[in-house]
Protein backbone atom coordinates (compact mmCIF):
# COMPACT_ATOMS: atom_id res chain seq x y z
CA GLU A 1 5.86 4.23 -11.56
CA ASP A 2 3.36 6.65 -13.14
CA VAL A 3 1.03 6.11 -10.17
CA GLY A 4 3.69 5.83 -7.46
CA LEU A 5 4.06 2.03 -7.55
CA PRO A 6 7.31 0.14 -8.18
CA ASP A 7 8.16 -0.32 -11.87
CA GLY A 8 6.32 -3.32 -13.34
CA GLN A 9 3.80 -3.64 -10.51
CA MET A 10 0.22 -3.76 -11.75
CA GLY A 11 -2.07 -0.90 -10.83
CA ASN A 12 -5.16 -1.18 -8.68
CA SER A 13 -8.36 0.79 -8.08
CA GLU A 14 -7.23 2.45 -4.85
CA VAL A 15 -3.98 3.76 -6.30
CA GLY A 16 -5.65 4.70 -9.59
CA HIS A 17 -8.39 6.82 -8.03
CA LEU A 18 -5.96 8.40 -5.57
CA ASN A 19 -3.74 9.59 -8.44
CA ILE A 20 -6.66 10.67 -10.65
CA GLY A 21 -8.13 12.80 -7.89
CA ALA A 22 -4.78 14.16 -6.68
CA GLY A 23 -3.54 15.33 -10.07
CA ARG A 24 0.01 14.39 -9.09
CA ILE A 25 1.89 11.18 -8.36
CA VAL A 26 1.11 9.96 -4.85
CA TYR A 27 4.00 7.68 -3.97
CA GLN A 28 3.06 4.44 -2.24
CA ASP A 29 4.96 3.46 0.92
CA LEU A 30 7.45 1.11 -0.74
CA VAL A 31 8.36 3.59 -3.49
CA LYS A 32 8.63 6.47 -1.01
CA ILE A 33 11.02 4.52 1.23
CA ASN A 34 13.01 3.24 -1.77
CA LEU A 35 13.50 6.80 -3.01
CA ALA A 36 14.58 8.01 0.44
CA CYS A 37 17.15 5.20 0.64
CA ARG A 38 18.37 5.78 -2.91
CA ASP A 39 18.85 9.55 -2.68
CA ASN A 40 20.00 9.32 0.96
CA SER A 41 17.30 11.73 2.13
CA ILE A 42 16.51 9.09 4.79
CA MET A 43 19.54 10.48 6.66
CA LYS A 44 17.63 13.76 7.10
CA ASN A 45 14.48 12.02 8.35
CA PRO A 46 13.87 13.58 11.82
CA GLU A 47 12.81 10.25 13.33
CA ILE A 48 15.93 8.50 11.99
CA ILE A 49 18.11 11.29 13.43
CA SER A 50 16.27 11.02 16.76
CA ALA A 51 16.59 7.21 17.00
CA PHE A 52 20.26 6.94 16.07
CA THR A 53 21.37 10.04 18.02
CA TYR A 54 19.68 8.77 21.17
CA ALA A 55 21.29 5.32 20.82
CA LYS A 56 24.71 6.94 20.30
CA GLU A 57 24.50 9.49 23.12
CA GLU A 58 22.94 7.14 25.69
CA GLY A 59 25.04 4.10 24.74
CA LYS A 60 21.89 2.06 24.10
CA SER A 61 21.48 -0.94 21.83
CA ILE A 62 19.60 -0.42 18.57
CA HIS A 63 17.54 -3.33 17.23
CA PHE A 64 16.30 -3.83 13.67
CA MET A 65 13.57 -6.43 13.35
CA GLY A 66 11.38 -7.51 10.47
CA LEU A 67 10.79 -9.95 7.65
CA THR A 68 14.18 -10.77 6.18
CA SER A 69 13.50 -11.69 2.55
CA ASP A 70 13.15 -10.20 -0.90
CA GLY A 71 9.44 -11.12 -1.10
CA GLY A 72 8.58 -7.43 -1.38
CA VAL A 73 5.17 -7.80 0.25
CA HIS A 74 5.92 -6.80 3.85
CA SER A 75 9.50 -5.55 3.81
CA SER A 76 12.61 -4.95 1.74
CA LEU A 77 16.13 -6.21 2.36
CA ASP A 78 17.41 -2.95 0.88
CA HIS A 79 15.74 -1.02 3.70
CA LEU A 80 17.44 -3.23 6.29
CA PHE A 81 20.81 -2.82 4.55
CA LYS A 82 20.32 0.95 4.61
CA LEU A 83 19.64 0.87 8.36
CA CYS A 84 22.91 -1.05 8.87
CA GLU A 85 24.69 1.59 6.80
CA ILE A 86 23.23 4.40 8.93
CA ALA A 87 24.24 2.57 12.13
CA GLN A 88 27.80 2.39 10.78
CA GLU A 89 27.77 6.13 10.00
CA TYR A 90 26.67 6.87 13.57
CA GLY A 91 29.33 4.50 14.90
CA LEU A 92 26.85 2.31 16.76
CA GLU A 93 28.55 -0.85 17.97
CA LYS A 94 25.54 -2.37 19.72
CA THR A 95 23.44 -2.98 16.60
CA PHE A 96 21.37 -6.16 16.66
CA ILE A 97 19.18 -7.68 13.96
CA HIS A 98 16.23 -9.95 14.64
CA CYS A 99 15.31 -11.85 11.48
CA PHE A 100 11.80 -13.08 10.83
CA MET A 101 12.01 -15.81 8.21
CA ASP A 102 9.62 -15.76 5.25
CA GLY A 103 8.96 -18.88 3.14
CA ARG A 104 5.47 -17.65 2.27
CA ASP A 105 6.12 -14.80 -0.16
CA THR A 106 9.37 -16.55 -1.11
CA ASP A 107 10.52 -20.15 -1.59
CA PRO A 108 10.15 -22.13 1.64
CA LYS A 109 13.90 -22.74 2.00
CA SER A 110 15.27 -19.49 0.56
CA GLY A 111 15.84 -17.97 4.00
CA LYS A 112 19.31 -19.37 4.47
CA ASP A 113 20.55 -17.40 1.45
CA PHE A 114 18.98 -14.17 2.76
CA ILE A 115 20.76 -14.66 6.09
CA LYS A 116 24.03 -15.24 4.21
CA GLN A 117 23.52 -11.98 2.29
CA LEU A 118 22.69 -10.09 5.46
CA ASP A 119 25.66 -11.52 7.34
CA ALA A 120 28.00 -10.47 4.52
CA TYR A 121 26.50 -6.97 4.52
CA CYS A 122 26.87 -6.67 8.30
CA LYS A 123 30.57 -7.51 7.96
CA GLU A 124 30.92 -4.62 5.47
CA THR A 125 28.93 -2.19 7.64
CA THR A 126 27.89 -3.06 11.17
CA GLY A 127 25.38 -5.18 13.06
CA LYS A 128 25.06 -8.69 14.43
CA ILE A 129 22.28 -11.16 13.71
CA ALA A 130 20.99 -11.71 17.25
CA SER A 131 18.01 -13.96 16.62
CA ILE A 132 15.98 -15.81 14.01
CA VAL A 133 12.35 -16.99 14.08
CA GLY A 134 9.70 -17.89 11.50
CA ARG A 135 7.03 -15.37 10.58
CA TYR A 136 4.43 -17.87 11.80
CA TYR A 137 5.38 -16.76 15.32
CA ALA A 138 6.55 -13.16 14.89
CA MET A 139 3.99 -11.98 12.34
CA ASP A 140 0.69 -13.55 13.36
CA ARG A 141 -2.39 -11.41 12.71
CA ASP A 142 -5.16 -13.59 14.16
CA LYS A 143 -4.62 -12.86 17.87
CA ARG A 144 -2.92 -16.19 18.41
CA TRP A 145 -0.94 -14.75 21.30
CA GLU A 146 0.67 -18.10 22.10
CA ARG A 147 2.55 -17.77 18.79
CA ILE A 148 3.53 -14.15 19.41
CA LYS A 149 4.76 -15.24 22.86
CA GLU A 150 7.42 -17.42 21.18
CA ALA A 151 8.76 -14.37 19.35
CA TYR A 152 8.42 -12.12 22.42
CA ASN A 153 10.37 -14.54 24.62
CA LEU A 154 13.07 -14.77 21.98
CA LEU A 155 13.41 -10.99 21.62
CA VAL A 156 13.09 -9.99 25.28
CA ASN A 157 14.29 -13.04 27.23
CA GLY A 158 16.63 -14.68 24.74
CA THR A 159 14.62 -17.92 24.83
CA GLY A 160 15.42 -20.25 21.95
CA LYS A 161 17.90 -22.72 20.54
CA LYS A 162 21.39 -21.37 21.31
CA THR A 163 23.96 -21.57 18.53
CA THR A 164 27.21 -20.00 17.38
CA ASP A 165 26.42 -20.86 13.73
CA MET A 166 23.09 -19.38 12.59
CA LEU A 167 23.31 -20.87 9.09
CA GLN A 168 23.92 -24.33 10.52
CA ALA A 169 20.90 -23.91 12.81
CA ILE A 170 18.70 -22.99 9.84
CA GLN A 171 19.97 -26.03 7.94
CA GLU A 172 19.16 -28.23 10.93
CA SER A 173 15.59 -26.89 10.83
CA TYR A 174 15.37 -27.75 7.13
CA ASP A 175 16.72 -31.23 7.86
CA GLU A 176 13.92 -31.68 10.40
CA GLY A 177 11.34 -30.72 7.76
CA ILE A 178 10.79 -27.22 9.20
CA THR A 179 10.74 -24.54 6.49
CA ASP A 180 11.42 -20.81 6.89
CA GLU A 181 7.92 -19.73 7.91
CA PHE A 182 7.86 -22.16 10.85
CA ILE A 183 11.47 -21.96 12.12
CA LYS A 184 11.50 -22.12 15.93
CA PRO A 185 13.37 -19.38 17.82
CA ILE A 186 17.16 -19.41 17.36
CA VAL A 187 19.51 -17.32 19.52
CA ASN A 188 23.03 -16.21 18.62
CA ALA A 189 25.03 -17.42 21.65
CA ASP A 190 27.93 -15.08 20.78
CA VAL A 191 26.02 -11.88 21.58
CA ASP A 192 23.54 -10.61 24.15
CA GLY A 193 21.08 -9.07 21.71
CA THR A 194 17.94 -9.08 23.82
CA ILE A 195 15.71 -5.99 23.86
CA LYS A 196 16.20 -4.16 27.16
CA LYS A 197 14.71 -1.18 28.98
CA GLY A 198 15.43 2.08 27.13
CA ASP A 199 16.70 0.41 23.93
CA VAL A 200 15.84 1.56 20.40
CA VAL A 201 13.78 -0.77 18.20
CA ILE A 202 13.07 -0.20 14.50
CA PHE A 203 10.46 -2.55 13.00
CA PHE A 204 11.31 -2.29 9.31
CA ASN A 205 8.17 -3.95 7.88
CA TYR A 206 6.31 -1.34 5.83
CA ARG A 207 3.05 -3.31 5.65
CA ASN A 208 1.10 -2.96 8.87
CA ASP A 209 -1.23 -5.94 9.26
CA ARG A 210 1.33 -8.50 10.41
CA ALA A 211 3.42 -6.01 12.38
CA LYS A 212 0.70 -4.96 14.82
CA GLU A 213 0.60 -7.80 17.34
CA LEU A 214 4.30 -7.85 18.18
CA THR A 215 4.19 -4.05 18.47
CA ILE A 216 1.22 -4.35 20.86
CA VAL A 217 2.98 -6.72 23.28
CA LEU A 218 6.26 -4.78 23.24
CA THR A 219 4.78 -1.29 23.59
CA GLN A 220 1.00 -1.08 24.11
CA GLN A 221 -0.59 -3.73 26.28
CA GLU A 222 0.41 -5.89 29.24
CA MET A 223 -0.53 -9.55 28.76
CA PRO A 224 0.32 -11.21 32.08
CA GLU A 225 -1.76 -14.26 31.18
CA PHE A 226 0.80 -14.95 28.43
CA GLY A 227 3.78 -13.71 30.44
CA MET A 228 4.26 -10.71 28.15
CA ASN A 229 4.87 -7.25 29.58
CA ILE A 230 5.64 -3.97 27.87
CA VAL A 231 9.38 -3.24 27.78
CA PRO A 232 9.84 0.00 29.79
CA ASN A 233 10.95 3.22 28.09
CA LEU A 234 11.42 1.55 24.72
CA HIS A 235 12.21 3.98 21.89
CA TYR A 236 10.10 2.18 19.31
CA TYR A 237 9.92 3.11 15.63
CA SER A 238 7.74 1.62 12.89
CA MET A 239 8.51 2.06 9.20
CA THR A 240 4.94 3.22 8.45
CA PRO A 241 1.82 3.82 10.60
CA TYR A 242 0.72 0.43 11.95
CA ASP A 243 -2.36 1.52 13.89
CA ALA A 244 -3.74 4.99 14.59
CA SER A 245 -4.52 4.00 18.19
CA PHE A 246 -0.88 3.14 19.08
CA LYS A 247 0.65 5.50 21.64
CA GLY A 248 4.33 6.38 21.82
CA VAL A 249 5.30 4.63 18.57
CA HIS A 250 7.38 6.84 16.28
CA ILE A 251 6.71 6.58 12.54
CA LEU A 252 9.59 6.84 10.07
CA PHE A 253 7.42 7.34 6.97
CA ASP A 254 3.99 8.71 7.78
CA LYS A 255 1.13 8.87 5.29
CA ASP A 256 1.26 11.85 2.95
CA ASN A 257 -1.43 14.43 3.50
CA VAL A 258 -2.81 14.90 -0.02
CA ASN A 259 -4.11 18.48 -0.16
CA ASN A 260 -5.96 20.31 -2.92
CA THR A 261 -7.31 17.25 -4.66
CA LEU A 262 -9.74 17.88 -7.50
CA GLY A 263 -12.70 17.49 -5.13
CA GLU A 264 -11.27 19.84 -2.51
CA TYR A 265 -10.24 22.47 -5.07
CA LEU A 266 -13.64 22.46 -6.81
CA SER A 267 -15.29 22.91 -3.41
CA LYS A 268 -13.02 25.85 -2.53
CA GLU A 269 -13.94 27.43 -5.87
CA LYS A 270 -17.66 27.07 -5.01
CA LYS A 271 -18.31 24.46 -7.70
CA THR A 272 -20.88 21.69 -7.24
CA GLN A 273 -19.97 18.04 -7.74
CA LEU A 274 -21.48 14.56 -7.68
CA HIS A 275 -19.61 11.31 -6.92
CA ILE A 276 -21.57 8.18 -7.85
CA ALA A 277 -20.90 4.42 -7.97
CA GLU A 278 -22.24 1.11 -6.78
CA THR A 279 -20.99 -0.34 -3.50
CA GLU A 280 -17.92 -2.09 -4.93
CA LYS A 281 -16.41 1.17 -6.20
CA TYR A 282 -18.08 3.71 -3.93
CA ALA A 283 -15.01 4.12 -1.69
CA HIS A 284 -12.93 4.71 -4.80
CA VAL A 285 -14.94 7.65 -6.16
CA THR A 286 -15.22 9.17 -2.67
CA PHE A 287 -12.51 8.31 -0.11
CA PHE A 288 -9.65 7.53 -2.52
CA PHE A 289 -10.62 10.13 -5.15
CA ASN A 290 -10.59 12.75 -2.37
CA GLY A 291 -7.09 11.80 -1.22
CA GLY A 292 -8.11 9.60 1.72
CA ARG A 293 -10.86 11.83 3.13
CA GLU A 294 -14.13 10.27 4.32
CA THR A 295 -16.23 13.43 4.71
CA PRO A 296 -17.75 15.06 1.61
CA TYR A 297 -16.63 18.60 0.78
CA GLU A 298 -19.06 21.50 0.71
CA GLY A 299 -21.00 21.33 -2.54
CA GLU A 300 -20.25 17.61 -2.97
CA ASP A 301 -23.14 15.15 -3.22
CA ARG A 302 -22.74 11.37 -3.22
CA ILE A 303 -24.93 8.57 -4.53
CA LEU A 304 -24.37 4.97 -3.47
CA VAL A 305 -26.19 2.28 -5.45
CA PRO A 306 -26.09 -1.12 -3.69
CA SER A 307 -24.14 -3.85 -5.53
CA PRO A 308 -26.10 -7.08 -6.11
CA LYS A 309 -25.85 -9.66 -3.34
CA VAL A 310 -24.45 -12.64 -5.25
CA ALA A 311 -21.63 -15.03 -4.34
CA THR A 312 -19.53 -14.02 -7.37
CA TYR A 313 -20.25 -11.38 -9.99
CA ASP A 314 -20.13 -13.78 -12.96
CA LEU A 315 -23.62 -14.74 -11.71
CA LYS A 316 -24.80 -11.18 -12.42
CA PRO A 317 -22.29 -9.56 -14.78
CA GLU A 318 -24.46 -6.46 -15.26
CA MET A 319 -24.04 -5.83 -11.52
CA SER A 320 -25.84 -2.54 -10.73
CA ALA A 321 -24.58 -0.68 -13.80
CA TYR A 322 -28.04 0.11 -15.19
CA GLN A 323 -29.24 1.43 -11.83
CA VAL A 324 -26.12 3.62 -11.55
CA LYS A 325 -26.74 4.88 -15.08
CA ASP A 326 -30.38 5.73 -14.33
CA LYS A 327 -29.42 7.76 -11.23
CA LEU A 328 -26.61 9.41 -13.18
CA VAL A 329 -28.78 10.43 -16.14
CA GLU A 330 -31.31 11.84 -13.69
CA ALA A 331 -28.55 13.92 -12.06
CA ILE A 332 -27.26 15.12 -15.44
CA ASN A 333 -30.75 16.19 -16.49
CA ALA A 334 -31.18 18.08 -13.20
CA ASP A 335 -28.37 20.33 -14.49
CA LYS A 336 -27.14 21.20 -10.98
CA TYR A 337 -23.56 19.86 -10.99
CA ASP A 338 -20.44 21.47 -12.41
CA PHE A 339 -18.54 18.17 -12.21
CA ILE A 340 -19.61 14.52 -11.99
CA VAL A 341 -17.42 11.44 -11.43
CA VAL A 342 -18.86 7.95 -11.94
CA ASN A 343 -17.32 4.48 -11.80
CA TYR A 344 -18.79 1.47 -13.58
CA ALA A 345 -17.41 -1.51 -11.67
CA ASN A 346 -18.13 -4.37 -14.08
CA GLY A 347 -14.90 -4.68 -16.07
CA ASP A 348 -12.85 -5.07 -12.91
CA MET A 349 -15.17 -7.03 -10.63
CA VAL A 350 -16.39 -9.50 -13.26
CA GLY A 351 -12.88 -9.59 -14.74
CA HIS A 352 -11.65 -11.01 -11.43
CA THR A 353 -13.91 -14.05 -11.85
CA GLY A 354 -12.12 -15.12 -15.05
CA VAL A 355 -15.42 -16.34 -16.54
CA TYR A 356 -15.12 -15.21 -20.15
CA GLU A 357 -18.81 -15.28 -21.15
CA ALA A 358 -19.68 -13.25 -18.06
CA ILE A 359 -16.89 -10.75 -18.81
CA LYS A 360 -18.35 -10.20 -22.29
CA LYS A 361 -21.78 -9.49 -20.77
CA ALA A 362 -20.17 -7.10 -18.27
CA VAL A 363 -18.45 -5.11 -21.01
CA ILE A 364 -21.66 -4.93 -23.08
CA ALA A 365 -23.53 -3.60 -20.03
CA VAL A 366 -20.93 -0.88 -19.47
CA ASP A 367 -20.98 0.00 -23.17
CA ASP A 368 -24.78 0.44 -23.04
CA CYS A 369 -24.55 2.61 -19.93
CA VAL A 370 -21.70 4.77 -21.20
CA LYS A 371 -23.63 5.40 -24.44
CA GLU A 372 -26.68 6.64 -22.56
CA THR A 373 -24.53 8.65 -20.16
CA VAL A 374 -22.70 10.44 -22.98
CA GLU A 375 -25.92 11.15 -24.88
CA ALA A 376 -27.48 12.68 -21.75
CA ALA A 377 -24.31 14.69 -21.07
CA LYS A 378 -24.34 16.12 -24.60
CA THR A 379 -27.91 17.39 -24.23
CA LYS A 380 -26.80 19.41 -21.19
CA SER A 381 -23.53 20.61 -22.79
CA TYR A 382 -21.27 18.54 -20.54
CA GLU A 383 -17.85 17.50 -21.82
CA THR A 384 -17.05 13.85 -21.04
CA ILE A 385 -13.76 12.05 -20.37
CA ILE A 386 -13.93 8.24 -20.44
CA ILE A 387 -10.99 6.45 -18.79
CA ALA A 388 -10.07 3.32 -16.88
CA ASP A 389 -7.78 3.42 -13.86
CA HIS A 390 -6.27 -0.03 -14.57
CA GLY A 391 -6.89 -3.01 -16.82
CA ASN A 392 -8.55 -6.37 -16.13
CA ALA A 393 -11.27 -7.41 -18.60
CA ASP A 394 -8.90 -6.43 -21.44
CA ASN A 395 -6.71 -9.42 -20.59
CA ALA A 396 -9.17 -12.14 -19.62
CA VAL A 397 -7.41 -15.15 -21.17
CA ASN A 398 -3.78 -16.24 -20.77
CA GLU A 399 -1.72 -17.33 -23.77
CA ASP A 400 -2.27 -20.98 -22.83
CA GLY A 401 -6.05 -20.47 -22.84
CA THR A 402 -6.50 -20.48 -19.06
CA PRO A 403 -8.54 -17.70 -17.38
CA ASN A 404 -6.60 -14.65 -16.22
CA THR A 405 -8.18 -13.08 -13.13
CA ALA A 406 -5.47 -10.51 -12.37
CA HIS A 407 -5.15 -6.85 -13.31
CA SER A 408 -3.27 -6.16 -16.52
CA LEU A 409 -0.25 -3.96 -17.19
CA ASN A 410 -1.78 -2.49 -20.36
CA PRO A 411 -2.10 1.27 -20.87
CA VAL A 412 -5.69 2.43 -20.34
CA PRO A 413 -7.80 4.37 -22.86
CA CYS A 414 -8.68 8.05 -22.60
CA ILE A 415 -11.60 9.25 -24.73
CA TYR A 416 -12.61 12.91 -24.82
CA VAL A 417 -16.17 13.68 -25.96
CA THR A 418 -16.50 17.35 -26.89
CA GLU A 419 -18.19 19.78 -29.27
CA ASN A 420 -14.76 21.33 -29.89
CA LYS A 421 -13.83 19.98 -33.33
CA LYS A 422 -10.25 21.29 -33.03
CA ALA A 423 -9.48 19.48 -29.78
CA GLN A 424 -6.41 17.23 -29.82
CA ILE A 425 -5.67 14.53 -27.25
CA ARG A 426 -2.32 13.02 -26.33
CA ASN A 427 -0.99 10.10 -24.30
CA GLY A 428 -0.27 10.78 -20.65
CA ARG A 429 -0.76 9.54 -17.11
CA LEU A 430 -3.69 9.22 -14.72
CA THR A 431 -2.23 12.18 -12.81
CA ASP A 432 -2.93 14.37 -15.87
CA VAL A 433 -6.70 13.83 -15.68
CA ALA A 434 -7.48 16.35 -12.89
CA PRO A 435 -5.44 19.17 -14.50
CA THR A 436 -7.19 18.38 -17.81
CA ILE A 437 -10.63 18.64 -16.18
CA LEU A 438 -9.70 22.02 -14.67
CA LYS A 439 -8.49 23.23 -18.08
CA ILE A 440 -11.82 22.16 -19.65
CA MET A 441 -13.60 24.05 -16.86
CA GLU A 442 -11.34 27.06 -17.58
CA MET A 443 -9.99 27.13 -14.03
CA GLN A 444 -6.51 27.85 -12.67
CA LEU A 445 -4.52 24.81 -11.54
CA PRO A 446 -3.62 24.60 -7.84
CA GLN A 447 0.15 24.59 -7.31
CA GLU A 448 0.05 21.09 -5.80
CA MET A 449 -1.04 19.53 -9.11
CA ASN A 450 1.21 18.82 -12.06
CA ASP A 451 0.63 21.14 -15.01
CA SER A 452 0.44 18.43 -17.65
CA VAL A 453 -2.89 18.32 -19.54
CA LEU A 454 -4.10 15.73 -22.03
CA ILE A 455 -5.91 18.00 -24.48
CA ALA A 456 -5.04 20.97 -26.65
CA ASP A 457 -7.06 23.13 -29.04
């Protein structure tokens, strides 16, 4: 939660650097949508108002489609339930739900229970389950258009196994050895829930990669060779941005524009800065650290040191740390930068291999490099903050002795190297790092940043 992820979810490099550079919590898509549903601010979302008002005033059907499970990777049942609630508030009677079954991020036969839950919720609010199909067909991402065609024909033409008992139809699939992911199209014979000209569609998946292809055939590109044509005048909404090239697709929760990051603010204040890392973490100290911006700011230099070309980094646990350190020490000695950010990649990248002896070598390499970096910094009167953005090498072995290759949930260290003998340091969050750096540099904080700093005299 301290970096905008759901409680208990392990951090990662992208999120860590984004929050460090932003100096405030940058909420990730899932958390942002959860908050909007929880505090009901979703009702004030202009795109929500537009979609539901249009359906009401024009007497059009509204369709909710997406992965119907609690897997939490692509979608959330809570978001779907909230959409049903909003449809009830608007008094929309023609509300249809198209369920893509999971069985990949969830147990292979858990789908029946999710459909039961949804059906019960629809009875309390509004909405009818119009169709069911496995994600294998509806959420392909490898341009296997013959699979997408199965889902398209179900949604647009009502092609599939007709039934008046959706749960029974799912059970019949299970009995035939077909699990959730691969369930063939099922149509609710009691309703005409096909997507028609001028209807409203909300694709409630918040992850984009497996939502693109179905969106393409419904809204972007004619595919006569597969018998798939764009549905005319569709009012189509995606939960998050699926593809920047899509035209006419409304976005319910767009990406936040993160302004006045540390890099941007230093540039505005005419300070010089250097961002340096090897290939594996270069994007993190540049693009993510700068709030999702590719282009360097004025006064910002970048150094990219190539990562070694090996199959896995346990084969070269030092990676390019010593080369990064050499370039860094050279830059420090040049005495031309007001601020320098560096990432040593070893703890994370070698940590992911799970090879314990290699992880030890990786940590020793970083220790050597940090020592030389700090010594060089001291000679040029730099203050140094040493942090990690998430754990990995700190938790290399599971309790049963097996290798652990995943990120850890441990708090990360924060070490402040300074000539100020009175300096005190406290626990905090990654979002406190940028304000702390500005305090050390005796600069005002921009209003976008939180005002929490990690050090005091």
